[in-house]
Amino acid sequence: WHQLVGVVKMLERGMTSQPVLLMDDVGLGKTVQVLAFFVMLAYYWEAYAETGKYLGIWGKHWDYMGRQSILPEYPFLIVVPPTLVEQVMLE
């Protein structure tokens, strides 16, 4: 449950151009959350390209905010211990 909430929070903050910092104990799913976030961003970019609008609650949010442009593609920084670099790159 906390992983799903984390992904939704990352999407909320991404839609309003706010930074995100994930911090919790080892093994609680931060990698999965980040990967799910990237997948959802790709989904929304693709859906926007096809329909000209964002789907679901994000479309309502962006209509409410009066934004007309596509979700910007901002850079991402992922910090992991050297021992996890290979795993993150593979996933």
N, C-alpha and C. Protein backbone atom coordinates (compact mmCIF):
# COMPACT_ATOMS: atom_id res chain seq x y z
N TRP A 1 0.83 -1.19 0.00
CA TRP A 1 0.00 0.00 0.00
C TRP A 1 0.87 1.25 0.00
N HIS A 2 1.89 1.28 0.83
CA HIS A 2 2.73 2.49 0.90
C HIS A 2 3.46 2.74 -0.42
N GLN A 3 3.76 1.68 -1.18
CA GLN A 3 4.41 1.87 -2.47
C GLN A 3 3.47 2.56 -3.46
N LEU A 4 2.21 2.16 -3.48
CA LEU A 4 1.22 2.80 -4.35
C LEU A 4 1.04 4.26 -3.98
N VAL A 5 0.92 4.53 -2.69
CA VAL A 5 0.78 5.91 -2.23
C VAL A 5 2.00 6.73 -2.63
N GLY A 6 3.18 6.13 -2.53
CA GLY A 6 4.40 6.83 -2.92
C GLY A 6 4.41 7.20 -4.40
N VAL A 7 3.96 6.29 -5.26
CA VAL A 7 3.90 6.56 -6.69
C VAL A 7 2.91 7.68 -6.98
N VAL A 8 1.75 7.64 -6.34
CA VAL A 8 0.75 8.70 -6.54
C VAL A 8 1.30 10.04 -6.09
N LYS A 9 1.98 10.06 -4.95
CA LYS A 9 2.57 11.31 -4.46
C LYS A 9 3.64 11.82 -5.43
N MET A 10 4.45 10.91 -5.99
CA MET A 10 5.45 11.34 -6.96
C MET A 10 4.78 11.93 -8.20
N LEU A 11 3.68 11.32 -8.65
CA LEU A 11 2.95 11.86 -9.79
C LEU A 11 2.36 13.23 -9.47
N GLU A 12 1.77 13.36 -8.28
CA GLU A 12 1.21 14.66 -7.88
C GLU A 12 2.28 15.74 -7.91
N ARG A 13 3.42 15.44 -7.34
CA ARG A 13 4.50 16.44 -7.27
C ARG A 13 5.08 16.68 -8.66
N GLY A 14 5.18 15.64 -9.47
CA GLY A 14 5.67 15.82 -10.84
C GLY A 14 4.75 16.68 -11.67
N MET A 15 3.45 16.53 -11.49
CA MET A 15 2.48 17.33 -12.24
C MET A 15 2.53 18.80 -11.85
N THR A 16 3.06 19.10 -10.68
CA THR A 16 3.16 20.49 -10.24
C THR A 16 4.62 20.95 -10.18
N SER A 17 5.50 20.20 -10.85
CA SER A 17 6.93 20.55 -10.95
C SER A 17 7.61 20.71 -9.60
N GLN A 18 7.26 19.87 -8.65
CA GLN A 18 7.88 19.90 -7.34
C GLN A 18 8.82 18.71 -7.18
N PRO A 19 9.91 18.87 -6.44
CA PRO A 19 10.86 17.76 -6.27
C PRO A 19 10.30 16.66 -5.37
N VAL A 20 10.93 15.51 -5.46
CA VAL A 20 10.53 14.34 -4.66
C VAL A 20 11.79 13.74 -4.06
N LEU A 21 11.69 13.34 -2.82
CA LEU A 21 12.79 12.64 -2.15
C LEU A 21 12.22 11.42 -1.46
N LEU A 22 12.65 10.23 -1.87
CA LEU A 22 12.20 8.98 -1.25
C LEU A 22 13.22 8.56 -0.20
N MET A 23 12.74 8.35 1.01
CA MET A 23 13.64 7.92 2.08
C MET A 23 12.89 6.96 3.00
N ASP A 24 13.33 5.76 3.08
CA ASP A 24 12.84 4.82 4.08
C ASP A 24 13.86 3.70 4.22
N ASP A 25 13.52 2.69 4.97
CA ASP A 25 14.47 1.61 5.24
C ASP A 25 14.79 0.80 3.98
N VAL A 26 15.89 0.10 4.02
CA VAL A 26 16.31 -0.77 2.93
C VAL A 26 15.26 -1.85 2.71
N GLY A 27 14.96 -2.11 1.43
CA GLY A 27 14.08 -3.22 1.09
C GLY A 27 12.60 -2.92 1.14
N LEU A 28 12.22 -1.64 1.22
CA LEU A 28 10.79 -1.31 1.27
C LEU A 28 10.21 -0.90 -0.07
N GLY A 29 10.99 -0.98 -1.15
CA GLY A 29 10.42 -0.81 -2.48
C GLY A 29 10.65 0.52 -3.17
N LYS A 30 11.67 1.26 -2.80
CA LYS A 30 11.93 2.54 -3.47
C LYS A 30 12.22 2.35 -4.95
N THR A 31 12.96 1.31 -5.30
CA THR A 31 13.28 1.04 -6.70
C THR A 31 12.00 0.77 -7.48
N VAL A 32 11.12 -0.04 -6.93
CA VAL A 32 9.85 -0.35 -7.59
C VAL A 32 9.02 0.91 -7.75
N GLN A 33 9.01 1.77 -6.73
CA GLN A 33 8.25 3.02 -6.82
C GLN A 33 8.77 3.91 -7.94
N VAL A 34 10.08 4.05 -8.04
CA VAL A 34 10.65 4.89 -9.08
C VAL A 34 10.36 4.32 -10.46
N LEU A 35 10.51 3.02 -10.61
CA LEU A 35 10.21 2.39 -11.90
C LEU A 35 8.74 2.55 -12.27
N ALA A 36 7.85 2.38 -11.31
CA ALA A 36 6.42 2.58 -11.56
C ALA A 36 6.14 4.03 -11.94
N PHE A 37 6.82 4.96 -11.30
CA PHE A 37 6.66 6.38 -11.63
C PHE A 37 7.06 6.63 -13.08
N PHE A 38 8.21 6.09 -13.50
CA PHE A 38 8.65 6.26 -14.89
C PHE A 38 7.65 5.66 -15.87
N VAL A 39 7.13 4.49 -15.53
CA VAL A 39 6.14 3.84 -16.40
C VAL A 39 4.89 4.71 -16.52
N MET A 40 4.44 5.26 -15.41
CA MET A 40 3.25 6.11 -15.44
C MET A 40 3.51 7.39 -16.23
N LEU A 41 4.68 7.99 -16.09
CA LEU A 41 5.00 9.17 -16.89
C LEU A 41 4.98 8.84 -18.38
N ALA A 42 5.58 7.72 -18.75
CA ALA A 42 5.58 7.31 -20.16
C ALA A 42 4.15 7.10 -20.65
N TYR A 43 3.32 6.49 -19.82
CA TYR A 43 1.91 6.27 -20.17
C TYR A 43 1.20 7.59 -20.41
N TYR A 44 1.38 8.55 -19.51
CA TYR A 44 0.71 9.84 -19.66
C TYR A 44 1.23 10.62 -20.86
N TRP A 45 2.55 10.57 -21.11
CA TRP A 45 3.08 11.26 -22.30
C TRP A 45 2.48 10.65 -23.57
N GLU A 46 2.41 9.31 -23.61
CA GLU A 46 1.87 8.63 -24.77
C GLU A 46 0.38 8.94 -24.95
N ALA A 47 -0.37 8.89 -23.86
CA ALA A 47 -1.81 9.18 -23.92
C ALA A 47 -2.05 10.62 -24.37
N TYR A 48 -1.22 11.54 -23.87
CA TYR A 48 -1.37 12.94 -24.26
C TYR A 48 -1.08 13.11 -25.75
N ALA A 49 -0.05 12.43 -26.24
CA ALA A 49 0.30 12.52 -27.65
C ALA A 49 -0.83 12.01 -28.54
N GLU A 50 -1.55 10.99 -28.08
CA GLU A 50 -2.65 10.42 -28.87
C GLU A 50 -3.95 11.20 -28.75
N THR A 51 -4.25 11.71 -27.55
CA THR A 51 -5.56 12.33 -27.32
C THR A 51 -5.53 13.85 -27.18
N GLY A 52 -4.35 14.41 -26.93
CA GLY A 52 -4.25 15.84 -26.72
C GLY A 52 -4.65 16.29 -25.32
N LYS A 53 -4.84 15.32 -24.43
CA LYS A 53 -5.17 15.66 -23.04
C LYS A 53 -4.67 14.54 -22.13
N TYR A 54 -4.57 14.87 -20.85
CA TYR A 54 -4.20 13.87 -19.86
C TYR A 54 -5.45 13.12 -19.42
N LEU A 55 -5.28 11.87 -19.07
CA LEU A 55 -6.41 11.02 -18.70
C LEU A 55 -6.62 11.02 -17.19
N GLY A 56 -7.81 10.65 -16.77
CA GLY A 56 -8.13 10.46 -15.36
C GLY A 56 -8.04 11.74 -14.55
N ILE A 57 -7.68 11.58 -13.29
CA ILE A 57 -7.64 12.73 -12.39
C ILE A 57 -6.60 13.75 -12.81
N TRP A 58 -5.56 13.33 -13.51
CA TRP A 58 -4.53 14.28 -13.92
C TRP A 58 -5.06 15.21 -14.99
N GLY A 59 -5.91 14.72 -15.86
CA GLY A 59 -6.54 15.60 -16.85
C GLY A 59 -7.38 16.66 -16.18
N LYS A 60 -8.13 16.25 -15.17
CA LYS A 60 -8.95 17.21 -14.42
C LYS A 60 -8.06 18.22 -13.70
N HIS A 61 -6.97 17.74 -13.13
CA HIS A 61 -6.04 18.62 -12.43
C HIS A 61 -5.47 19.66 -13.38
N TRP A 62 -5.01 19.20 -14.55
CA TRP A 62 -4.38 20.13 -15.49
C TRP A 62 -5.41 21.08 -16.09
N ASP A 63 -6.66 20.62 -16.31
CA ASP A 63 -7.70 21.53 -16.79
C ASP A 63 -7.97 22.59 -15.74
N TYR A 64 -8.01 22.19 -14.48
CA TYR A 64 -8.27 23.11 -13.38
C TYR A 64 -7.14 24.14 -13.26
N MET A 65 -5.91 23.68 -13.46
CA MET A 65 -4.76 24.57 -13.34
C MET A 65 -4.61 25.47 -14.57
N GLY A 66 -5.37 25.17 -15.64
CA GLY A 66 -5.30 25.98 -16.85
C GLY A 66 -4.04 25.76 -17.66
N ARG A 67 -3.44 24.62 -17.52
CA ARG A 67 -2.20 24.34 -18.25
C ARG A 67 -2.54 23.75 -19.60
N GLN A 68 -1.85 24.20 -20.60
CA GLN A 68 -2.11 23.75 -21.96
C GLN A 68 -0.98 22.87 -22.51
N SER A 69 0.17 22.92 -21.92
CA SER A 69 1.32 22.22 -22.49
C SER A 69 1.44 20.80 -21.94
N ILE A 70 2.21 20.00 -22.62
CA ILE A 70 2.45 18.63 -22.20
C ILE A 70 3.32 18.61 -20.94
N LEU A 71 3.19 17.58 -20.17
CA LEU A 71 4.00 17.40 -18.97
C LEU A 71 5.47 17.50 -19.35
N PRO A 72 6.20 18.42 -18.75
CA PRO A 72 7.60 18.58 -19.14
C PRO A 72 8.44 17.36 -18.80
N GLU A 73 9.46 17.15 -19.57
CA GLU A 73 10.38 16.04 -19.33
C GLU A 73 11.59 16.58 -18.57
N TYR A 74 11.51 16.56 -17.26
CA TYR A 74 12.58 17.05 -16.42
C TYR A 74 13.63 15.97 -16.20
N PRO A 75 14.86 16.35 -15.88
CA PRO A 75 15.89 15.35 -15.58
C PRO A 75 15.61 14.66 -14.25
N PHE A 76 16.12 13.46 -14.11
CA PHE A 76 15.98 12.69 -12.89
C PHE A 76 17.36 12.35 -12.36
N LEU A 77 17.46 12.33 -11.05
CA LEU A 77 18.70 11.92 -10.39
C LEU A 77 18.35 10.77 -9.47
N ILE A 78 18.99 9.64 -9.69
CA ILE A 78 18.78 8.47 -8.84
C ILE A 78 20.10 8.17 -8.16
N VAL A 79 20.09 8.19 -6.84
CA VAL A 79 21.29 7.93 -6.07
C VAL A 79 21.16 6.56 -5.42
N VAL A 80 22.10 5.69 -5.72
CA VAL A 80 22.08 4.34 -5.15
C VAL A 80 23.51 3.97 -4.75
N PRO A 81 23.64 3.04 -3.83
CA PRO A 81 24.99 2.56 -3.49
C PRO A 81 25.62 1.88 -4.71
N PRO A 82 26.93 1.92 -4.83
CA PRO A 82 27.61 1.30 -5.98
C PRO A 82 27.23 -0.16 -6.19
N THR A 83 26.91 -0.86 -5.12
CA THR A 83 26.57 -2.28 -5.25
C THR A 83 25.22 -2.49 -5.94
N LEU A 84 24.39 -1.45 -6.04
CA LEU A 84 23.07 -1.59 -6.67
C LEU A 84 22.97 -1.00 -8.06
N VAL A 85 24.03 -0.38 -8.54
CA VAL A 85 23.98 0.28 -9.86
C VAL A 85 23.59 -0.70 -10.95
N GLU A 86 24.20 -1.86 -10.99
CA GLU A 86 23.90 -2.83 -12.04
C GLU A 86 22.43 -3.27 -11.97
N GLN A 87 21.94 -3.55 -10.77
CA GLN A 87 20.55 -3.97 -10.61
C GLN A 87 19.58 -2.88 -11.09
N VAL A 88 19.84 -1.64 -10.72
CA VAL A 88 18.97 -0.53 -11.13
C VAL A 88 18.99 -0.37 -12.64
N MET A 89 20.15 -0.46 -13.24
CA MET A 89 20.26 -0.33 -14.70
C MET A 89 19.51 -1.45 -15.41
N LEU A 90 19.58 -2.66 -14.86
CA LEU A 90 18.86 -3.78 -15.48
C LEU A 90 17.35 -3.63 -15.33
N GLU A 91 16.91 -3.16 -14.19
CA GLU A 91 15.46 -3.02 -13.96
C GLU A 91 14.94 -1.83 -14.72
